[in-house]
Structures are given as structure tokens and as C-alpha cells.
C-alpha atoms as a PDB file:
ATOM      1  CA  MET A   1      82.406  71.165  96.423  1.00  0.00           C
ATOM      2  CA  ASN A   2      81.925  72.096 100.086  1.00  0.00           C
ATOM      3  CA  VAL A   3      85.566  73.139 100.359  1.00  0.00           C
ATOM      4  CA  VAL A   4      85.307  75.372  97.298  1.00  0.00           C
ATOM      5  CA  ASN A   5      82.022  76.841  98.497  1.00  0.00           C
ATOM      6  CA  GLU A   6      83.482  77.659 101.925  1.00  0.00           C
ATOM      7  CA  LEU A   7      86.525  79.258 100.319  1.00  0.00           C
ATOM      8  CA  LEU A   8      84.274  81.308  98.056  1.00  0.00           C
ATOM      9  CA  LYS A   9      82.139  82.359 101.022  1.00  0.00           C
ATOM     10  CA  GLN A  10      85.221  83.495 102.902  1.00  0.00           C
ATOM     11  CA  MET A  11      86.390  85.439  99.854  1.00  0.00           C
ATOM     12  CA  VAL A  12      83.049  87.240  99.579  1.00  0.00           C
ATOM     13  CA  ALA A  13      83.135  87.980 103.320  1.00  0.00           C
ATOM     14  CA  TYR A  14      86.477  89.767 102.868  1.00  0.00           C
ATOM     15  CA  THR A  15      85.251  91.728  99.845  1.00  0.00           C
ATOM     16  CA  PRO A  16      83.649  94.675 101.754  1.00  0.00           C
ATOM     17  CA  ILE A  17      87.023  95.553 103.290  1.00  0.00           C
ATOM     18  CA  TYR A  18      88.486  96.302  99.891  1.00  0.00           C
ATOM     19  CA  THR A  19      85.304  97.420  98.117  1.00  0.00           C
ATOM     20  CA  LEU A  20      84.172 100.012 100.660  1.00  0.00           C
ATOM     21  CA  SER A  21      87.656 101.426 101.194  1.00  0.00           C
ATOM     22  CA  SER A  22      88.469 101.749  97.497  1.00  0.00           C
ATOM     23  CA  LEU A  23      84.943 103.017  96.763  1.00  0.00           C
ATOM     24  CA  GLY A  24      85.488 105.771  99.325  1.00  0.00           C
ATOM     25  CA  LEU A  25      88.681 106.759  97.509  1.00  0.00           C
ATOM     26  CA  VAL A  26      86.893 106.718  94.151  1.00  0.00           C
ATOM     27  CA  ILE A  27      84.159 109.090  95.332  1.00  0.00           C
ATOM     28  CA  GLY A  28      86.655 111.652  96.603  1.00  0.00           C
ATOM     29  CA  GLY A  29      89.007 111.079  93.667  1.00  0.00           C
ATOM     30  CA  ARG A  30      86.265 111.878  91.174  1.00  0.00           C
ATOM     31  CA  ALA A  31      86.147 115.358  92.728  1.00  0.00           C
ATOM     32  CA  GLY A  32      89.920 115.743  92.515  1.00  0.00           C
ATOM     33  CA  ILE A  33      90.920 114.710  96.061  1.00  0.00           C
ATOM     34  CA  PHE A  34      93.456 111.879  96.161  1.00  0.00           C
ATOM     35  CA  ASN A  35      93.009 110.474  99.657  1.00  0.00           C
ATOM     36  CA  VAL A  36      96.016 108.324 100.588  1.00  0.00           C
ATOM     37  CA  SER A  37      95.139 108.288 104.300  1.00  0.00           C
ATOM     38  CA  GLY A  38      93.101 105.096 104.025  1.00  0.00           C
ATOM     39  CA  GLU A  39      95.346 103.021 106.277  1.00  0.00           C
ATOM     40  CA  GLY A  40      95.243 105.520 109.168  1.00  0.00           C
ATOM     41  CA  THR A  41      91.543 106.209 108.689  1.00  0.00           C
ATOM     42  CA  MET A  42      90.675 102.512 108.809  1.00  0.00           C
ATOM     43  CA  LEU A  43      92.822 101.925 111.891  1.00  0.00           C
ATOM     44  CA  ALA A  44      91.208 104.747 113.874  1.00  0.00           C
ATOM     45  CA  ALA A  45      87.744 103.682 112.705  1.00  0.00           C
ATOM     46  CA  ALA A  46      88.392 100.051 113.656  1.00  0.00           C
ATOM     47  CA  SER A  47      89.348 101.067 117.178  1.00  0.00           C
ATOM     48  CA  ALA A  48      86.396 103.457 117.570  1.00  0.00           C
ATOM     49  CA  GLY A  49      83.890 100.964 116.165  1.00  0.00           C
ATOM     50  CA  TYR A  50      85.133  98.131 118.352  1.00  0.00           C
ATOM     51  CA  ILE A  51      85.066 100.248 121.520  1.00  0.00           C
ATOM     52  CA  VAL A  52      81.547 101.588 120.896  1.00  0.00           C
ATOM     53  CA  ALA A  53      80.154  98.174 119.946  1.00  0.00           C
ATOM     54  CA  LEU A  54      81.741  96.598 123.005  1.00  0.00           C
ATOM     55  CA  GLN A  55      80.566  99.299 125.421  1.00  0.00           C
ATOM     56  CA  THR A  56      77.007  99.445 124.082  1.00  0.00           C
ATOM     57  CA  GLY A  57      76.578  95.811 123.068  1.00  0.00           C
ATOM     58  CA  ASN A  58      75.280  97.002 119.706  1.00  0.00           C
ATOM     59  CA  TRP A  59      77.112  96.250 116.436  1.00  0.00           C
ATOM     60  CA  LEU A  60      75.160  98.899 114.512  1.00  0.00           C
ATOM     61  CA  LEU A  61      76.336 101.674 116.831  1.00  0.00           C
ATOM     62  CA  GLY A  62      79.846 100.348 116.342  1.00  0.00           C
ATOM     63  CA  ILE A  63      79.542 100.602 112.560  1.00  0.00           C
ATOM     64  CA  LEU A  64      78.108 104.119 112.863  1.00  0.00           C
ATOM     65  CA  ALA A  65      80.993 105.118 115.140  1.00  0.00           C
ATOM     66  CA  SER A  66      83.442 103.763 112.557  1.00  0.00           C
ATOM     67  CA  ALA A  67      81.714 105.753 109.824  1.00  0.00           C
ATOM     68  CA  ALA A  68      81.804 108.912 111.959  1.00  0.00           C
ATOM     69  CA  MET A  69      85.515 108.497 112.651  1.00  0.00           C
ATOM     70  CA  GLY A  70      86.196 107.955 108.958  1.00  0.00           C
ATOM     71  CA  ALA A  71      84.118 111.003 108.035  1.00  0.00           C
ATOM     72  CA  ALA A  72      86.104 113.072 110.535  1.00  0.00           C
ATOM     73  CA  PHE A  73      89.368 112.035 108.896  1.00  0.00           C
ATOM     74  CA  GLY A  74      87.999 112.786 105.437  1.00  0.00           C
ATOM     75  CA  PHE A  75      86.748 116.185 106.543  1.00  0.00           C
ATOM     76  CA  THR A  76      90.095 116.956 108.162  1.00  0.00           C
ATOM     77  CA  LEU A  77      91.953 116.140 104.959  1.00  0.00           C
ATOM     78  CA  VAL A  78      89.796 118.280 102.702  1.00  0.00           C
ATOM     79  CA  PHE A  79      89.575 121.132 105.228  1.00  0.00           C
ATOM     80  CA  ILE A  80      93.341 121.434 105.576  1.00  0.00           C
ATOM     81  CA  HIS A  81      93.849 121.102 101.835  1.00  0.00           C
ATOM     82  CA  GLU A  82      91.190 123.600 100.810  1.00  0.00           C
ATOM     83  CA  THR A  83      92.262 126.071 103.504  1.00  0.00           C
ATOM     84  CA  THR A  84      96.057 125.919 103.099  1.00  0.00           C
ATOM     85  CA  LYS A  85      96.490 124.281  99.650  1.00  0.00           C
ATOM     86  CA  VAL A  86      99.065 121.949 101.194  1.00  0.00           C
ATOM     87  CA  SER A  87      99.730 118.827  99.114  1.00  0.00           C
ATOM     88  CA  GLN A  88      97.007 116.204  99.502  1.00  0.00           C
ATOM     89  CA  PHE A  89      99.676 113.508  99.723  1.00  0.00           C
ATOM     90  CA  ILE A  90     101.496 115.169 102.611  1.00  0.00           C
ATOM     91  CA  ILE A  91      98.237 115.600 104.519  1.00  0.00           C
ATOM     92  CA  GLY A  92      97.240 112.022 103.753  1.00  0.00           C
ATOM     93  CA  ILE A  93     100.502 110.530 105.025  1.00  0.00           C
ATOM     94  CA  SER A  94     100.229 112.683 108.158  1.00  0.00           C
ATOM     95  CA  LEU A  95      96.747 111.289 108.754  1.00  0.00           C
ATOM     96  CA  VAL A  96      98.058 107.741 108.320  1.00  0.00           C
ATOM     97  CA  ILE A  97     100.501 108.369 111.168  1.00  0.00           C
ATOM     98  CA  LEU A  98      97.795 110.083 113.235  1.00  0.00           C
ATOM     99  CA  GLY A  99      95.348 107.233 112.731  1.00  0.00           C
ATOM    100  CA  ALA A 100      97.912 104.595 113.637  1.00  0.00           C
ATOM    101  CA  GLY A 101      98.676 106.327 116.931  1.00  0.00           C
ATOM    102  CA  LEU A 102      95.093 107.322 117.715  1.00  0.00           C
ATOM    103  CA  SER A 103      93.746 103.807 117.240  1.00  0.00           C
ATOM    104  CA  ASP A 104      95.940 102.281 119.947  1.00  0.00           C
ATOM    105  CA  LEU A 105      95.557 105.335 122.187  1.00  0.00           C
ATOM    106  CA  LEU A 106      91.750 105.123 122.164  1.00  0.00           C
ATOM    107  CA  TYR A 107      91.840 101.429 122.937  1.00  0.00           C
ATOM    108  CA  LYS A 108      94.202 101.820 125.907  1.00  0.00           C
ATOM    109  CA  LEU A 109      92.407 104.878 127.294  1.00  0.00           C
ATOM    110  CA  VAL A 110      89.036 103.120 127.334  1.00  0.00           C
ATOM    111  CA  LEU A 111      89.917  99.471 127.943  1.00  0.00           C
ATOM    112  CA  GLY A 112      93.445  99.615 129.339  1.00  0.00           C
ATOM    113  CA  VAL A 113      95.653  96.525 129.338  1.00  0.00           C
ATOM    114  CA  GLN A 114      93.667  93.282 129.508  1.00  0.00           C
ATOM    115  CA  LEU A 115      94.810  89.679 129.700  1.00  0.00           C
ATOM    116  CA  PHE A 116      91.894  88.490 127.596  1.00  0.00           C
ATOM    117  CA  ILE A 117      90.612  90.767 124.846  1.00  0.00           C
ATOM    118  CA  PRO A 118      86.778  90.821 124.984  1.00  0.00           C
ATOM    119  CA  GLU A 119      84.852  90.041 121.809  1.00  0.00           C
ATOM    120  CA  ALA A 120      82.512  92.701 120.446  1.00  0.00           C
ATOM    121  CA  PRO A 121      79.037  91.831 119.116  1.00  0.00           C
ATOM    122  CA  LYS A 122      79.387  90.756 115.511  1.00  0.00           C
ATOM    123  CA  VAL A 123      77.364  91.917 112.521  1.00  0.00           C
ATOM    124  CA  PRO A 124      74.645  89.292 111.957  1.00  0.00           C
ATOM    125  CA  GLU A 125      74.307  87.116 108.870  1.00  0.00           C
ATOM    126  CA  VAL A 126      71.179  87.131 106.717  1.00  0.00           C
ATOM    127  CA  ARG A 127      70.159  83.885 105.043  1.00  0.00           C
ATOM    128  CA  ILE A 128      67.795  83.962 102.071  1.00  0.00           C
ATOM    129  CA  PRO A 129      65.464  80.913 102.012  1.00  0.00           C
ATOM    130  CA  LEU A 130      65.814  78.455  99.110  1.00  0.00           C
ATOM    131  CA  LEU A 131      68.579  80.465  97.398  1.00  0.00           C
ATOM    132  CA  SER A 132      70.835  79.803 100.380  1.00  0.00           C
ATOM    133  CA  ARG A 133      70.888  76.093  99.444  1.00  0.00           C
ATOM    134  CA  ILE A 134      72.212  76.587  95.916  1.00  0.00           C
ATOM    135  CA  PRO A 135      75.945  75.762  95.708  1.00  0.00           C
ATOM    136  CA  PHE A 136      78.268  78.703  94.929  1.00  0.00           C
ATOM    137  CA  LEU A 137      75.372  81.193  94.797  1.00  0.00           C
ATOM    138  CA  SER A 138      74.894  80.668  98.530  1.00  0.00           C
ATOM    139  CA  ALA A 139      78.425  81.999  99.104  1.00  0.00           C
ATOM    140  CA  PHE A 140      77.279  85.409  97.842  1.00  0.00           C
ATOM    141  CA  ILE A 141      73.968  85.590  99.707  1.00  0.00           C
ATOM    142  CA  ASN A 142      74.584  83.776 103.010  1.00  0.00           C
ATOM    143  CA  GLN A 143      76.521  86.758 104.273  1.00  0.00           C
ATOM    144  CA  ASN A 144      76.442  89.473 106.891  1.00  0.00           C
ATOM    145  CA  VAL A 145      74.500  92.716 106.524  1.00  0.00           C
ATOM    146  CA  ILE A 146      77.528  94.763 105.432  1.00  0.00           C
ATOM    147  CA  VAL A 147      78.080  92.509 102.410  1.00  0.00           C
ATOM    148  CA  TYR A 148      74.566  93.309 101.180  1.00  0.00           C
ATOM    149  CA  LEU A 149      75.198  96.990 101.884  1.00  0.00           C
ATOM    150  CA  THR A 150      78.338  96.740  99.763  1.00  0.00           C
ATOM    151  CA  TYR A 151      76.400  95.318  96.818  1.00  0.00           C
ATOM    152  CA  ALA A 152      73.890  98.149  97.073  1.00  0.00           C
ATOM    153  CA  LEU A 153      76.518 100.885  97.380  1.00  0.00           C
ATOM    154  CA  VAL A 154      78.428  99.763  94.287  1.00  0.00           C
ATOM    155  CA  ILE A 155      75.228  99.918  92.231  1.00  0.00           C
ATOM    156  CA  LEU A 156      74.123 103.200  93.809  1.00  0.00           C
ATOM    157  CA  VAL A 157      77.457 104.965  93.306  1.00  0.00           C
ATOM    158  CA  TYR A 158      77.670 103.775  89.706  1.00  0.00           C
ATOM    159  CA  TYR A 159      74.149 104.994  88.979  1.00  0.00           C
ATOM    160  CA  PHE A 160      74.813 108.330  90.672  1.00  0.00           C
ATOM    161  CA  LEU A 161      78.075 109.009  88.840  1.00  0.00           C
ATOM    162  CA  TYR A 162      77.001 107.997  85.355  1.00  0.00           C
ATOM    163  CA  LYS A 163      73.217 108.318  85.233  1.00  0.00           C
ATOM    164  CA  THR A 164      72.451 111.540  87.116  1.00  0.00           C
ATOM    165  CA  LYS A 165      73.162 115.244  86.613  1.00  0.00           C
ATOM    166  CA  PRO A 166      74.775 115.706  90.073  1.00  0.00           C
ATOM    167  CA  GLY A 167      77.064 112.779  89.228  1.00  0.00           C
ATOM    168  CA  LEU A 168      78.065 114.438  85.974  1.00  0.00           C
ATOM    169  CA  GLU A 169      78.780 117.660  87.855  1.00  0.00           C
ATOM    170  CA  LEU A 170      80.895 115.766  90.369  1.00  0.00           C
ATOM    171  CA  ARG A 171      82.969 114.214  87.587  1.00  0.00           C
ATOM    172  CA  ALA A 172      83.314 117.623  85.968  1.00  0.00           C
ATOM    173  CA  VAL A 173      84.883 118.943  89.170  1.00  0.00           C
ATOM    174  CA  GLY A 174      87.468 116.185  89.031  1.00  0.00           C
ATOM    175  CA  GLU A 175      88.237 116.783  85.377  1.00  0.00           C
ATOM    176  CA  ASN A 176      88.201 120.559  85.106  1.00  0.00           C
ATOM    177  CA  PRO A 177      87.291 122.438  88.303  1.00  0.00           C
ATOM    178  CA  LYS A 178      87.715 125.830  86.655  1.00  0.00           C
ATOM    179  CA  ALA A 179      85.184 125.048  83.920  1.00  0.00           C
ATOM    180  CA  ALA A 180      82.839 123.531  86.516  1.00  0.00           C
ATOM    181  CA  ASP A 181      83.113 126.684  88.602  1.00  0.00           C
ATOM    182  CA  VAL A 182      82.318 128.872  85.607  1.00  0.00           C
ATOM    183  CA  VAL A 183      79.011 127.069  84.973  1.00  0.00           C
ATOM    184  CA  GLY A 184      77.967 127.469  88.609  1.00  0.00           C
ATOM    185  CA  ILE A 185      79.095 124.240  90.290  1.00  0.00           C
ATOM    186  CA  ASN A 186      80.364 124.764  93.818  1.00  0.00           C
ATOM    187  CA  VAL A 187      83.767 123.077  93.576  1.00  0.00           C
ATOM    188  CA  THR A 188      84.714 123.516  97.226  1.00  0.00           C
ATOM    189  CA  LEU A 189      81.413 122.170  98.557  1.00  0.00           C
ATOM    190  CA  THR A 190      81.588 119.202  96.184  1.00  0.00           C
ATOM    191  CA  ARG A 191      85.052 118.326  97.409  1.00  0.00           C
ATOM    192  CA  TYR A 192      84.019 118.642 101.046  1.00  0.00           C
ATOM    193  CA  LEU A 193      80.983 116.403 100.624  1.00  0.00           C
ATOM    194  CA  THR A 194      82.637 113.694  98.546  1.00  0.00           C
ATOM    195  CA  THR A 195      85.802 113.452 100.634  1.00  0.00           C
ATOM    196  CA  THR A 196      83.844 113.335 103.884  1.00  0.00           C
ATOM    197  CA  LEU A 197      81.478 110.690 102.503  1.00  0.00           C
ATOM    198  CA  GLY A 198      84.427 108.754 101.103  1.00  0.00           C
ATOM    199  CA  GLY A 199      86.054 108.888 104.520  1.00  0.00           C
ATOM    200  CA  ALA A 200      82.882 107.442 106.063  1.00  0.00           C
ATOM    201  CA  LEU A 201      83.092 104.455 103.702  1.00  0.00           C
ATOM    202  CA  LEU A 202      86.728 103.983 104.656  1.00  0.00           C
ATOM    203  CA  GLY A 203      85.600 104.066 108.274  1.00  0.00           C
ATOM    204  CA  ILE A 204      83.000 101.342 107.723  1.00  0.00           C
ATOM    205  CA  ALA A 205      85.660  99.230 106.025  1.00  0.00           C
ATOM    206  CA  GLY A 206      87.855  99.699 109.096  1.00  0.00           C
ATOM    207  CA  GLY A 207      85.052  98.887 111.538  1.00  0.00           C
ATOM    208  CA  TYR A 208      84.233  95.773 109.503  1.00  0.00           C
ATOM    209  CA  LEU A 209      87.478  94.140 110.608  1.00  0.00           C
ATOM    210  CA  PRO A 210      86.820  93.863 114.380  1.00  0.00           C
ATOM    211  CA  LEU A 211      83.038  93.552 114.040  1.00  0.00           C
ATOM    212  CA  VAL A 212      83.028  90.821 111.387  1.00  0.00           C
ATOM    213  CA  VAL A 213      86.442  89.352 110.622  1.00  0.00           C
ATOM    214  CA  THR A 214      88.229  89.089 113.984  1.00  0.00           C
ATOM    215  CA  GLY A 215      85.682  90.004 116.661  1.00  0.00           C
ATOM    216  CA  THR A 216      88.366  91.920 118.559  1.00  0.00           C
ATOM    217  CA  TYR A 217      90.712  94.848 118.048  1.00  0.00           C
ATOM    218  CA  THR A 218      94.459  94.332 117.751  1.00  0.00           C
ATOM    219  CA  PRO A 219      97.197  96.839 116.895  1.00  0.00           C
ATOM    220  CA  ASN A 220      97.710  97.239 113.137  1.00  0.00           C
ATOM    221  CA  ILE A 221      94.523  95.283 112.478  1.00  0.00           C
ATOM    222  CA  THR A 222      94.284  96.658 108.923  1.00  0.00           C
ATOM    223  CA  ASN A 223      97.657  95.137 108.019  1.00  0.00           C
ATOM    224  CA  GLY A 224      98.182  97.408 104.995  1.00  0.00           C
ATOM    225  CA  ARG A 225      94.723  96.978 103.483  1.00  0.00           C
ATOM    226  CA  GLY A 226      94.256 100.757 103.358  1.00  0.00           C
ATOM    227  CA  PHE A 227      97.257 101.018 101.051  1.00  0.00           C
ATOM    228  CA  ILE A 228      95.974  98.164  98.895  1.00  0.00           C
ATOM    229  CA  ALA A 229      92.696 100.102  98.538  1.00  0.00           C
ATOM    230  CA  VAL A 230      94.652 102.936  96.905  1.00  0.00           C
ATOM    231  CA  GLY A 231      96.060 100.445  94.405  1.00  0.00           C
ATOM    232  CA  ILE A 232      92.588  99.045  93.689  1.00  0.00           C
ATOM    233  CA  ALA A 233      91.183 102.542  93.053  1.00  0.00           C
ATOM    234  CA  ILE A 234      94.006 103.234  90.595  1.00  0.00           C
ATOM    235  CA  PHE A 235      93.636  99.832  88.932  1.00  0.00           C
ATOM    236  CA  ALA A 236      89.891 100.473  88.602  1.00  0.00           C
ATOM    237  CA  SER A 237      90.537 103.824  86.888  1.00  0.00           C
ATOM    238  CA  TRP A 238      88.290 105.409  89.538  1.00  0.00           C
ATOM    239  CA  ARG A 239      85.193 103.502  88.392  1.00  0.00           C
ATOM    240  CA  PRO A 240      82.965 101.949  91.098  1.00  0.00           C
ATOM    241  CA  GLU A 241      82.075  98.754  89.241  1.00  0.00           C
ATOM    242  CA  ARG A 242      85.741  97.988  88.653  1.00  0.00           C
ATOM    243  CA  THR A 243      86.557  98.510  92.310  1.00  0.00           C
ATOM    244  CA  PHE A 244      84.245  95.622  93.124  1.00  0.00           C
ATOM    245  CA  LEU A 245      86.066  93.359  90.673  1.00  0.00           C
ATOM    246  CA  GLY A 246      89.413  94.439  92.098  1.00  0.00           C
ATOM    247  CA  ALA A 247      88.116  93.840  95.618  1.00  0.00           C
ATOM    248  CA  LEU A 248      87.012  90.317  94.686  1.00  0.00           C
ATOM    249  CA  LEU A 249      90.492  89.616  93.316  1.00  0.00           C
ATOM    250  CA  PHE A 250      92.318  90.726  96.445  1.00  0.00           C
ATOM    251  CA  ALA A 251      89.768  89.139  98.756  1.00  0.00           C
ATOM    252  CA  ALA A 252      90.452  85.871  96.910  1.00  0.00           C
ATOM    253  CA  ILE A 253      94.206  86.315  97.348  1.00  0.00           C
ATOM    254  CA  GLU A 254      93.739  86.922 101.077  1.00  0.00           C
ATOM    255  CA  ALA A 255      91.355  83.991 101.548  1.00  0.00           C
ATOM    256  CA  ILE A 256      93.631  81.578  99.673  1.00  0.00           C
ATOM    257  CA  ALA A 257      96.696  82.845 101.551  1.00  0.00           C
ATOM    258  CA  LEU A 258      94.908  82.248 104.866  1.00  0.00           C
ATOM    259  CA  GLN A 259      93.911  78.721 103.907  1.00  0.00           C
ATOM    260  CA  MET A 260      97.436  77.924 102.760  1.00  0.00           C
ATOM    261  CA  GLN A 261      98.793  79.299 106.014  1.00  0.00           C
ATOM    262  CA  LEU A 262      96.447  77.036 107.999  1.00  0.00           C
ATOM    263  CA  SER A 263      97.209  73.975 105.901  1.00  0.00           C
ATOM    264  CA  GLY A 264     100.534  73.382 107.617  1.00  0.00           C
ATOM    265  CA  THR A 265     102.696  73.878 104.542  1.00  0.00           C
ATOM    266  CA  VAL A 266     106.455  74.175 104.957  1.00  0.00           C
ATOM    267  CA  ILE A 267     106.397  77.612 103.326  1.00  0.00           C
ATOM    268  CA  PRO A 268     106.954  80.329 105.992  1.00  0.00           C
ATOM    269  CA  TYR A 269     103.702  82.054 106.962  1.00  0.00           C
ATOM    270  CA  GLN A 270     105.319  85.451 106.307  1.00  0.00           C
ATOM    271  CA  PHE A 271     105.194  84.662 102.601  1.00  0.00           C
ATOM    272  CA  PHE A 272     101.413  84.395 102.698  1.00  0.00           C
ATOM    273  CA  LEU A 273     101.165  87.655 104.631  1.00  0.00           C
ATOM    274  CA  MET A 274     102.915  89.502 101.813  1.00  0.00           C
ATOM    275  CA  THR A 275     101.004  87.893  98.916  1.00  0.00           C
ATOM    276  CA  PRO A 276      98.352  90.672  98.701  1.00  0.00           C
ATOM    277  CA  PHE A 277     101.122  93.248  98.281  1.00  0.00           C
ATOM    278  CA  ILE A 278     102.796  91.141  95.608  1.00  0.00           C
ATOM    279  CA  GLY A 279      99.389  90.906  93.956  1.00  0.00           C
ATOM    280  CA  ILE A 280      98.879  94.671  93.860  1.00  0.00           C
ATOM    281  CA  LEU A 281     102.318  95.170  92.289  1.00  0.00           C
ATOM    282  CA  VAL A 282     101.591  92.550  89.632  1.00  0.00           C
ATOM    283  CA  VAL A 283      98.179  94.021  88.829  1.00  0.00           C
ATOM    284  CA  MET A 284      99.568  97.561  88.604  1.00  0.00           C
ATOM    285  CA  TRP A 285     102.291  96.372  86.249  1.00  0.00           C
ATOM    286  CA  LEU A 286      99.876  94.433  84.012  1.00  0.00           C
ATOM    287  CA  PHE A 287      97.371  97.290  83.717  1.00  0.00           C
ATOM    288  CA  LYS A 288      99.757 100.263  83.828  1.00  0.00           C
ATOM    289  CA  LYS A 289      98.888 101.356  80.284  1.00  0.00           C
ATOM    290  CA  LYS A 290      95.126 101.126  80.820  1.00  0.00           C
ATOM    291  CA  VAL A 291      94.888 103.207  83.998  1.00  0.00           C
ATOM    292  CA  GLU A 292      93.071 106.527  83.701  1.00  0.00           C
ATOM    293  CA  PHE A 293      93.045 109.371  86.218  1.00  0.00           C
ATOM    294  CA  PRO A 294      90.675 112.333  86.695  1.00  0.00           C
ATOM    295  CA  ALA A 295      92.568 115.247  85.138  1.00  0.00           C
ATOM    296  CA  SER A 296      92.640 117.375  88.323  1.00  0.00           C
ATOM    297  CA  LEU A 297      93.291 114.516  90.751  1.00  0.00           C
ATOM    298  CA  GLY A 298      95.589 115.671  93.567  1.00  0.00           C
ATOM    299  CA  LYS A 299      95.668 119.255  92.320  1.00  0.00           C
ATOM    300  CA  PRO A 300      94.542 122.240  94.427  1.00  0.00           C
ATOM    301  CA  TYR A 301      92.040 124.709  92.992  1.00  0.00           C
ATOM    302  CA  SER A 302      91.676 128.379  93.830  1.00  0.00           C
ATOM    303  CA  ARG A 303      89.095 130.741  92.403  1.00  0.00           C
ATOM    304  CA  GLU A 304      90.669 133.638  90.550  1.00  0.00           C
END
């Protein structure tokens, strides 16, 4: 039972990486912006968050720095797209390349080359009395602060999108921006706000890696998770509650793959590294007929 509980706890600890990143894509996607720059955004945010947390000795400032870096990438994407009407996918791939280079550049400019990589202050865990002793349930509640934030954000985003008038207006922009514009909804402002906010969530997901999972920054620390987030958002049909379920699935795949890798099996460790990508292909194939997209996703809009 202890082994299963520890595995479950590790799975839940990995969940914010996938939930926050895919949730950020869902928020922007609901307004019609298909942000494929998640990998580059998370890399740059991971580097920025690690550096700030290390220099200040404060994990919260590190998370805020990650969010700011992510927001900057989101704003850059929507600004270039809304100004030039260049394809969102081209801009997104360009930002992936930018983020990959910027992440290592920031690290080397600030910290240089070091024999031993210093460990940044980690996000603290919060234990709930009594409930923390219940098997299996304790895996979901004996977690760090960002896990609890993730729970809250999934509920909040769902409520906002489907239970409020501004949420309905946001979804209208993603479905038919022309009709939304006619009834007085500011399409451009909506896209700016949602894509920037979505970028901030991607940034937190990136900062989560060095400040919770590894404790340090290493090149390519995201290891393709930003691309998996795109697959989760598609699999979830751009619904926040489904992104959480998808995140749990891929967090479980990653946790099991890690345990198998550490178990000393004769299977090459490279196989376990690629299992999340095999998983996303399998899931996309199984649910290909059930996936729904906002009607204007990835399409530019210009007022006549």
C-alpha cells in the first residue's frame, strides 16, 4: 500500500506541469489563439524562475518571475499575430526556438559555468491534519502549494467559462469573432488578455520544474512537455475539467516510467523517456473522432 501511495503522490506532484500548461492553452484557444509555443515558453520561464529564486532565496518570487516570462511570451505571440496577421503556428514555432535559446543564455549570463549546480529554494508542502493520514487521499493533499493552486484554477476557469457572462463572451470570440464584434465584444482585447494570461500559466508550469521537481535548472528541462500540453488541450476539446483528467493520465505515465527506469530493468532507459510521447499518440488516435475545436481557432480576424 505504501508503494502505491508513494507512486500516486508522485503522479499528483507531476500533474501541475501538464494541467497548468494545457489550461493556459485552453484559455487562449477559447478566444481563437492556438498557442503552440508552450515548449519554448516553459523553457524560458524555467530558467527565469530558477535564477530569480536562487538569487533572492525566495521560491514565490521565482514563481512570479516564471509567470511574468510566460506572460511576455504570450503577449508577444498575440501582438505579432494581431498586428501582422502572420500565422499563429509560424509565430509559435519561432517562439519555441527563441525560448530554447533564451533559457540557456539567461542561465549562462547570470550564473556562468559551474561545477556544481546550486539548488534553488523549493516550493513548500502543505500537510492537512488528520486527512493527511488517510491512505490514497493523502497523496492528493500532502502536496506543495502549486498543486493546491492547480486544483483551484481548474475549478475557477471552468466556472468562469461556463457559468459567467464574460466567459460566454470569451467563448463567443473563439467561435465567431465577427458576430461577437457586432454585439459589442472587444475581440482584440479579449485575445490579448486570454493569450497573455494563458502564457503566464505556461510560465508557472515551466517554473514548477526547477522549483519543485528537480531543484535545479538543466538545458531542455521541459523535455517535450510543452508539446504534450498541446496534445492534452486537443484531447480535452479545450475544456478545463478535461485537461485535468488528461494531465493526471500523462503524469501517471511519467511517474510509472520513472519508477521503471529506477528499478534496474533490462529495458533501455530511452524507452521510458519516450513513453509519454507514445501515450499522446495513442490518446489522439483513440479520441480523434470526439475532439472538438473552437470554430475560429488559429484564424486571424480583421474588422471590416
